[in-house]
């Protein structure tokens, strides 16, 4: 999970800086992080589920912010 948090931090930094090139480069990573966190949230229960669901929602919000900031495969 720590690895996913670091990926999310990189995505957050790109969105915060409104760096379109960085966002473009992170498009593939954002898709991976979103799908992985979603799958893990479905596979787990209890506190582990809550943690993965939190990461999934965070990734979802970041993907939306990335799409608003620049061209995105998510549009």
Protein backbone atom coordinates (compact mmCIF):
# COMPACT_ATOMS: atom_id res chain seq x y z
CA UNK A 1 0.00 0.00 0.00
CA UNK A 2 2.92 2.32 0.70
CA UNK A 3 3.93 2.02 -2.96
CA UNK A 4 0.46 3.13 -4.09
CA UNK A 5 0.59 6.10 -1.72
CA UNK A 6 3.84 7.22 -3.31
CA UNK A 7 2.29 6.95 -6.77
CA UNK A 8 -0.64 9.05 -5.60
CA UNK A 9 1.76 11.64 -4.19
CA UNK A 10 3.43 11.92 -7.62
CA UNK A 11 0.02 12.38 -9.24
CA UNK A 12 -0.92 15.01 -6.64
CA UNK A 13 2.32 16.92 -7.26
CA UNK A 14 1.65 17.04 -11.00
CA UNK A 15 -1.91 18.25 -10.47
CA UNK A 16 -0.85 20.84 -7.89
CA UNK A 17 1.82 22.18 -10.25
CA UNK A 18 -0.65 22.04 -13.18
CA UNK A 19 2.19 20.52 -15.18
CA UNK A 20 0.51 19.21 -18.32
CA UNK A 21 3.57 17.27 -19.48
CA UNK A 22 3.90 15.48 -16.13
CA UNK A 23 0.18 14.73 -16.14
CA UNK A 24 0.46 13.32 -19.65
CA UNK A 25 3.36 11.10 -18.57
CA UNK A 26 1.42 9.92 -15.50
CA UNK A 27 -1.72 8.95 -17.44
CA UNK A 28 -0.75 5.29 -17.63
CA UNK A 29 0.28 5.20 -14.00
CA UNK A 30 -2.98 6.81 -12.93
CA UNK A 31 -4.95 4.13 -14.76
CA UNK A 32 -2.92 1.39 -13.08
CA UNK A 33 -3.27 2.92 -9.61
CA UNK A 34 -7.03 3.44 -10.02
CA UNK A 35 -7.67 -0.09 -11.25
CA UNK A 36 -5.37 -1.74 -8.71
CA UNK A 37 -6.84 0.13 -5.73
CA UNK A 38 -10.37 -0.58 -6.94
CA UNK A 39 -9.65 -4.30 -7.34
CA UNK A 40 -8.03 -4.50 -3.89
CA UNK A 41 -10.97 -2.68 -2.30
CA UNK A 42 -13.32 -5.31 -3.76
CA UNK A 43 -11.13 -8.23 -2.64
CA UNK A 44 -10.63 -7.19 0.98
CA UNK A 45 -12.78 -6.58 4.03
CA UNK A 46 -12.66 -4.75 7.33
CA UNK A 47 -9.92 -2.24 7.98
CA UNK A 48 -7.96 -3.37 4.96
CA UNK A 49 -10.99 -2.71 2.75
CA UNK A 50 -11.39 0.75 4.26
CA UNK A 51 -7.75 1.58 3.56
CA UNK A 52 -7.92 0.39 -0.05
CA UNK A 53 -11.25 2.11 -0.61
CA UNK A 54 -9.70 5.34 0.66
CA UNK A 55 -6.86 5.00 -1.84
CA UNK A 56 -9.35 4.19 -4.58
CA UNK A 57 -11.39 7.32 -3.87
CA UNK A 58 -8.21 9.40 -3.70
CA UNK A 59 -7.12 8.04 -7.09
CA UNK A 60 -10.58 8.73 -8.50
CA UNK A 61 -10.41 12.37 -7.42
CA UNK A 62 -6.89 12.76 -8.79
CA UNK A 63 -7.85 11.27 -12.16
CA UNK A 64 -10.69 13.79 -12.38
CA UNK A 65 -8.30 16.63 -11.50
CA UNK A 66 -5.78 15.39 -14.05
CA UNK A 67 -8.47 15.30 -16.73
CA UNK A 68 -9.48 18.88 -15.95
CA UNK A 69 -5.90 20.15 -16.05
CA UNK A 70 -4.86 18.77 -19.39
CA UNK A 71 -5.53 16.36 -22.20
CA UNK A 72 -6.28 12.96 -20.81
CA UNK A 73 -7.13 9.48 -21.96
CA UNK A 74 -9.90 9.63 -19.37
CA UNK A 75 -11.89 12.20 -21.36
